[in-house]
Amino acid sequence: MKKTSKMVYIGLLVAQALVLYIFEGMIPVPFVTPGAKLGLANLVTVVALYTLESKREVFLVILLRLLLSTMFGGNLSSLMYSASGAILSFIAMILVKEIGKNKVSIIGVSAAGSVFHNIGQLLISSLIVKNIGVMLYLPVLSSVGIITGIFIGITANYLVKHLLKLPYFKASN
């Protein structure tokens, strides 16, 4: 992939993640668990993980999404929670993808990322309130996270399968 093409593709991924972040903020969450979200912006992270050549580029997409989403509608505390969740999720997805190579699908990678996103957010929360008891919320958030992670994984699987058919990606393979 040419340098200019890659820069445009990364810009498109960041723009899509921002649109999904803003759209998700408008959806009333019918979950029983307060604070649970669908994680639509993480769809772009999973797609980036499977379409970009280096992990550094995927991290750049995550970093730009975090900073720009904070500018568009967040604050410092939302940045702390989002960053901790996104970074831990990113690390977990890389590990699951690399260790599981042919045994774990994109759906499993996404579900693992979703659970570790919740763990990252709860760790920051427990540091802020100085009480590890916040982690008692993990089983509830994890069950919702697995379901939304599977949904995001199925969607990402469909997108990646069709993205890789484009001439843009065939030239780089």
C-alpha atoms as a PDB file:
ATOM      1  CA  MET A   1       0.000   0.000   0.000  1.00  0.00           C
ATOM      2  CA  LYS A   2       1.392   3.400  -0.944  1.00  0.00           C
ATOM      3  CA  LYS A   3       2.121   5.873   1.829  1.00  0.00           C
ATOM      4  CA  THR A   4      -0.518   8.339   0.633  1.00  0.00           C
ATOM      5  CA  SER A   5      -3.132   5.625   0.214  1.00  0.00           C
ATOM      6  CA  LYS A   6      -2.412   4.313   3.686  1.00  0.00           C
ATOM      7  CA  MET A   7      -2.730   7.809   5.170  1.00  0.00           C
ATOM      8  CA  VAL A   8      -6.094   8.291   3.453  1.00  0.00           C
ATOM      9  CA  TYR A   9      -7.289   4.858   4.627  1.00  0.00           C
ATOM     10  CA  ILE A  10      -6.256   5.605   8.228  1.00  0.00           C
ATOM     11  CA  GLY A  11      -8.056   8.960   8.001  1.00  0.00           C
ATOM     12  CA  LEU A  12     -11.193   7.198   6.765  1.00  0.00           C
ATOM     13  CA  LEU A  13     -11.020   4.698   9.622  1.00  0.00           C
ATOM     14  CA  VAL A  14     -10.679   7.489  12.186  1.00  0.00           C
ATOM     15  CA  ALA A  15     -13.572   9.410  10.602  1.00  0.00           C
ATOM     16  CA  GLN A  16     -15.770   6.300  10.647  1.00  0.00           C
ATOM     17  CA  ALA A  17     -14.894   5.642  14.288  1.00  0.00           C
ATOM     18  CA  LEU A  18     -15.841   9.218  15.192  1.00  0.00           C
ATOM     19  CA  VAL A  19     -19.159   8.966  13.379  1.00  0.00           C
ATOM     20  CA  LEU A  20     -19.928   5.697  15.167  1.00  0.00           C
ATOM     21  CA  TYR A  21     -18.896   7.216  18.523  1.00  0.00           C
ATOM     22  CA  ILE A  22     -21.203  10.203  18.030  1.00  0.00           C
ATOM     23  CA  PHE A  23     -24.027   7.987  16.744  1.00  0.00           C
ATOM     24  CA  GLU A  24     -23.670   5.637  19.707  1.00  0.00           C
ATOM     25  CA  GLY A  25     -23.951   8.589  22.079  1.00  0.00           C
ATOM     26  CA  MET A  26     -27.400   9.310  20.631  1.00  0.00           C
ATOM     27  CA  ILE A  27     -28.716   5.777  21.142  1.00  0.00           C
ATOM     28  CA  PRO A  28     -30.632   5.304  24.383  1.00  0.00           C
ATOM     29  CA  VAL A  29     -29.092   2.236  25.986  1.00  0.00           C
ATOM     30  CA  PRO A  30     -31.810  -0.191  27.074  1.00  0.00           C
ATOM     31  CA  PHE A  31     -29.404  -2.281  29.134  1.00  0.00           C
ATOM     32  CA  VAL A  32     -30.015  -3.098  32.755  1.00  0.00           C
ATOM     33  CA  THR A  33     -26.394  -2.247  33.436  1.00  0.00           C
ATOM     34  CA  PRO A  34     -25.651   1.452  33.747  1.00  0.00           C
ATOM     35  CA  GLY A  35     -22.681   2.554  31.706  1.00  0.00           C
ATOM     36  CA  ALA A  36     -22.856  -0.321  29.233  1.00  0.00           C
ATOM     37  CA  LYS A  37     -22.515   0.631  25.583  1.00  0.00           C
ATOM     38  CA  LEU A  38     -22.549  -1.207  22.303  1.00  0.00           C
ATOM     39  CA  GLY A  39     -18.938  -0.293  21.481  1.00  0.00           C
ATOM     40  CA  LEU A  40     -19.633   0.642  17.886  1.00  0.00           C
ATOM     41  CA  ALA A  41     -16.401   2.630  17.544  1.00  0.00           C
ATOM     42  CA  ASN A  42     -14.490  -0.535  18.435  1.00  0.00           C
ATOM     43  CA  LEU A  43     -15.760  -2.008  15.177  1.00  0.00           C
ATOM     44  CA  VAL A  44     -13.269   0.224  13.385  1.00  0.00           C
ATOM     45  CA  THR A  45     -10.461  -0.951  15.684  1.00  0.00           C
ATOM     46  CA  VAL A  46     -11.182  -4.592  14.841  1.00  0.00           C
ATOM     47  CA  VAL A  47     -11.352  -3.817  11.114  1.00  0.00           C
ATOM     48  CA  ALA A  48      -8.083  -1.885  11.369  1.00  0.00           C
ATOM     49  CA  LEU A  49      -6.433  -4.792  13.187  1.00  0.00           C
ATOM     50  CA  TYR A  50      -7.259  -7.092  10.281  1.00  0.00           C
ATOM     51  CA  THR A  51      -6.630  -4.713   7.365  1.00  0.00           C
ATOM     52  CA  LEU A  52      -3.655  -2.557   8.357  1.00  0.00           C
ATOM     53  CA  GLU A  53      -0.157  -3.945   8.037  1.00  0.00           C
ATOM     54  CA  SER A  54       1.345  -2.874  11.362  1.00  0.00           C
ATOM     55  CA  LYS A  55       0.161  -2.676  14.938  1.00  0.00           C
ATOM     56  CA  ARG A  56       1.576   0.841  15.142  1.00  0.00           C
ATOM     57  CA  GLU A  57      -0.912   1.999  12.493  1.00  0.00           C
ATOM     58  CA  VAL A  58      -3.796   0.382  14.382  1.00  0.00           C
ATOM     59  CA  PHE A  59      -2.641   2.130  17.562  1.00  0.00           C
ATOM     60  CA  LEU A  60      -2.551   5.422  15.643  1.00  0.00           C
ATOM     61  CA  VAL A  61      -6.197   4.905  14.639  1.00  0.00           C
ATOM     62  CA  ILE A  62      -7.102   4.245  18.286  1.00  0.00           C
ATOM     63  CA  LEU A  63      -5.145   7.248  19.567  1.00  0.00           C
ATOM     64  CA  LEU A  64      -6.629   9.647  17.012  1.00  0.00           C
ATOM     65  CA  ARG A  65     -10.139   8.338  17.708  1.00  0.00           C
ATOM     66  CA  LEU A  66      -9.666   8.827  21.453  1.00  0.00           C
ATOM     67  CA  LEU A  67      -8.312  12.353  21.145  1.00  0.00           C
ATOM     68  CA  LEU A  68     -10.834  13.531  18.569  1.00  0.00           C
ATOM     69  CA  SER A  69     -13.815  11.943  20.322  1.00  0.00           C
ATOM     70  CA  THR A  70     -12.768  13.726  23.510  1.00  0.00           C
ATOM     71  CA  MET A  71     -12.654  17.009  21.609  1.00  0.00           C
ATOM     72  CA  PHE A  72     -16.071  16.403  20.025  1.00  0.00           C
ATOM     73  CA  GLY A  73     -18.007  15.397  23.077  1.00  0.00           C
ATOM     74  CA  GLY A  74     -15.982  14.225  25.988  1.00  0.00           C
ATOM     75  CA  ASN A  75     -14.029  15.436  28.959  1.00  0.00           C
ATOM     76  CA  LEU A  76     -10.898  14.389  30.823  1.00  0.00           C
ATOM     77  CA  SER A  77     -12.615  11.620  32.763  1.00  0.00           C
ATOM     78  CA  SER A  78     -14.161  10.137  29.604  1.00  0.00           C
ATOM     79  CA  LEU A  79     -10.688  10.235  28.013  1.00  0.00           C
ATOM     80  CA  MET A  80      -9.206   8.336  30.979  1.00  0.00           C
ATOM     81  CA  TYR A  81     -11.888   5.647  30.875  1.00  0.00           C
ATOM     82  CA  SER A  82     -11.850   5.353  27.088  1.00  0.00           C
ATOM     83  CA  ALA A  83      -8.065   5.291  26.838  1.00  0.00           C
ATOM     84  CA  SER A  84      -7.604   2.665  29.536  1.00  0.00           C
ATOM     85  CA  GLY A  85     -10.269   0.458  28.009  1.00  0.00           C
ATOM     86  CA  ALA A  86      -9.093   0.925  24.437  1.00  0.00           C
ATOM     87  CA  ILE A  87      -5.421   0.296  25.176  1.00  0.00           C
ATOM     88  CA  LEU A  88      -6.031  -2.811  27.294  1.00  0.00           C
ATOM     89  CA  SER A  89      -8.504  -4.042  24.689  1.00  0.00           C
ATOM     90  CA  PHE A  90      -5.967  -3.454  21.913  1.00  0.00           C
ATOM     91  CA  ILE A  91      -3.276  -5.415  23.771  1.00  0.00           C
ATOM     92  CA  ALA A  92      -5.690  -8.274  24.486  1.00  0.00           C
ATOM     93  CA  MET A  93      -6.877  -8.429  20.874  1.00  0.00           C
ATOM     94  CA  ILE A  94      -3.299  -8.554  19.588  1.00  0.00           C
ATOM     95  CA  LEU A  95      -2.421 -11.341  22.023  1.00  0.00           C
ATOM     96  CA  VAL A  96      -5.526 -13.383  21.226  1.00  0.00           C
ATOM     97  CA  LYS A  97      -5.014 -12.885  17.501  1.00  0.00           C
ATOM     98  CA  GLU A  98      -1.315 -13.836  17.623  1.00  0.00           C
ATOM     99  CA  ILE A  99      -1.607 -16.734  20.079  1.00  0.00           C
ATOM    100  CA  GLY A 100      -4.801 -18.104  18.544  1.00  0.00           C
ATOM    101  CA  LYS A 101      -3.661 -17.625  14.909  1.00  0.00           C
ATOM    102  CA  ASN A 102      -5.927 -20.165  13.154  1.00  0.00           C
ATOM    103  CA  LYS A 103      -7.927 -21.224  16.203  1.00  0.00           C
ATOM    104  CA  VAL A 104      -9.631 -17.954  17.157  1.00  0.00           C
ATOM    105  CA  SER A 105     -11.794 -16.095  14.670  1.00  0.00           C
ATOM    106  CA  ILE A 106     -12.280 -12.360  14.365  1.00  0.00           C
ATOM    107  CA  ILE A 107     -15.426 -12.823  16.472  1.00  0.00           C
ATOM    108  CA  GLY A 108     -13.407 -14.313  19.342  1.00  0.00           C
ATOM    109  CA  VAL A 109     -10.804 -11.561  19.071  1.00  0.00           C
ATOM    110  CA  SER A 110     -13.561  -8.942  19.230  1.00  0.00           C
ATOM    111  CA  ALA A 111     -15.240 -10.575  22.241  1.00  0.00           C
ATOM    112  CA  ALA A 112     -11.912 -10.733  24.080  1.00  0.00           C
ATOM    113  CA  GLY A 113     -11.294  -7.075  23.278  1.00  0.00           C
ATOM    114  CA  SER A 114     -14.719  -6.168  24.605  1.00  0.00           C
ATOM    115  CA  VAL A 115     -14.163  -7.939  27.925  1.00  0.00           C
ATOM    116  CA  PHE A 116     -10.722  -6.376  28.382  1.00  0.00           C
ATOM    117  CA  HIS A 117     -12.134  -2.957  27.504  1.00  0.00           C
ATOM    118  CA  ASN A 118     -14.442  -3.363  30.510  1.00  0.00           C
ATOM    119  CA  ILE A 119     -11.555  -4.539  32.688  1.00  0.00           C
ATOM    120  CA  GLY A 120      -9.496  -1.483  31.733  1.00  0.00           C
ATOM    121  CA  GLN A 121     -12.331   0.884  32.556  1.00  0.00           C
ATOM    122  CA  LEU A 122     -13.022  -0.795  35.891  1.00  0.00           C
ATOM    123  CA  LEU A 123      -9.329  -0.682  36.814  1.00  0.00           C
ATOM    124  CA  ILE A 124      -9.260   3.080  36.226  1.00  0.00           C
ATOM    125  CA  SER A 125     -12.495   3.436  38.144  1.00  0.00           C
ATOM    126  CA  SER A 126     -11.091   1.499  41.105  1.00  0.00           C
ATOM    127  CA  LEU A 127      -7.973   3.697  41.078  1.00  0.00           C
ATOM    128  CA  ILE A 128     -10.077   6.850  41.058  1.00  0.00           C
ATOM    129  CA  VAL A 129     -12.376   5.810  43.915  1.00  0.00           C
ATOM    130  CA  LYS A 130      -9.544   3.940  45.684  1.00  0.00           C
ATOM    131  CA  ASN A 131     -11.713   0.871  46.162  1.00  0.00           C
ATOM    132  CA  ILE A 132     -11.186  -2.458  44.416  1.00  0.00           C
ATOM    133  CA  GLY A 133     -14.835  -3.289  45.167  1.00  0.00           C
ATOM    134  CA  VAL A 134     -15.711  -1.640  41.855  1.00  0.00           C
ATOM    135  CA  MET A 135     -14.447  -4.830  40.216  1.00  0.00           C
ATOM    136  CA  LEU A 136     -17.545  -6.634  41.539  1.00  0.00           C
ATOM    137  CA  TYR A 137     -19.318  -5.025  38.581  1.00  0.00           C
ATOM    138  CA  LEU A 138     -17.079  -6.999  36.185  1.00  0.00           C
ATOM    139  CA  PRO A 139     -19.265 -10.130  35.773  1.00  0.00           C
ATOM    140  CA  VAL A 140     -22.253  -8.008  34.791  1.00  0.00           C
ATOM    141  CA  LEU A 141     -20.267  -5.857  32.374  1.00  0.00           C
ATOM    142  CA  SER A 142     -18.451  -8.901  30.972  1.00  0.00           C
ATOM    143  CA  SER A 143     -21.656 -10.702  30.101  1.00  0.00           C
ATOM    144  CA  VAL A 144     -22.937  -7.650  28.236  1.00  0.00           C
ATOM    145  CA  GLY A 145     -19.453  -7.136  26.759  1.00  0.00           C
ATOM    146  CA  ILE A 146     -19.288 -10.654  25.373  1.00  0.00           C
ATOM    147  CA  ILE A 147     -22.640 -10.233  23.639  1.00  0.00           C
ATOM    148  CA  THR A 148     -21.737  -6.860  22.141  1.00  0.00           C
ATOM    149  CA  GLY A 149     -18.237  -8.155  21.290  1.00  0.00           C
ATOM    150  CA  ILE A 150     -19.761 -11.030  19.341  1.00  0.00           C
ATOM    151  CA  PHE A 151     -22.053  -8.593  17.521  1.00  0.00           C
ATOM    152  CA  ILE A 152     -19.098  -6.322  16.671  1.00  0.00           C
ATOM    153  CA  GLY A 153     -17.041  -9.366  15.628  1.00  0.00           C
ATOM    154  CA  ILE A 154     -19.717 -10.656  13.264  1.00  0.00           C
ATOM    155  CA  THR A 155     -20.023  -7.217  11.701  1.00  0.00           C
ATOM    156  CA  ALA A 156     -16.239  -6.828  11.435  1.00  0.00           C
ATOM    157  CA  ASN A 157     -15.936 -10.295   9.892  1.00  0.00           C
ATOM    158  CA  TYR A 158     -18.416  -9.314   7.189  1.00  0.00           C
ATOM    159  CA  LEU A 159     -16.680  -5.975   6.558  1.00  0.00           C
ATOM    160  CA  VAL A 160     -13.153  -7.394   6.425  1.00  0.00           C
ATOM    161  CA  LYS A 161     -14.214 -10.196   4.093  1.00  0.00           C
ATOM    162  CA  HIS A 162     -15.617  -7.651   1.631  1.00  0.00           C
ATOM    163  CA  LEU A 163     -12.885  -5.048   2.131  1.00  0.00           C
ATOM    164  CA  LEU A 164     -10.190  -7.557   1.193  1.00  0.00           C
ATOM    165  CA  LYS A 165     -11.932  -8.072  -2.176  1.00  0.00           C
ATOM    166  CA  LEU A 166     -11.292  -4.451  -3.150  1.00  0.00           C
ATOM    167  CA  PRO A 167      -8.494  -3.786  -5.641  1.00  0.00           C
ATOM    168  CA  TYR A 168      -6.954  -1.416  -3.077  1.00  0.00           C
ATOM    169  CA  PHE A 169      -6.147  -4.367  -0.803  1.00  0.00           C
ATOM    170  CA  LYS A 170      -5.405  -6.898  -3.540  1.00  0.00           C
ATOM    171  CA  ALA A 171      -2.516  -4.716  -4.752  1.00  0.00           C
ATOM    172  CA  SER A 172      -0.890  -4.718  -1.303  1.00  0.00           C
ATOM    173  CA  ASN A 173      -1.209  -8.494  -0.724  1.00  0.00           C
END
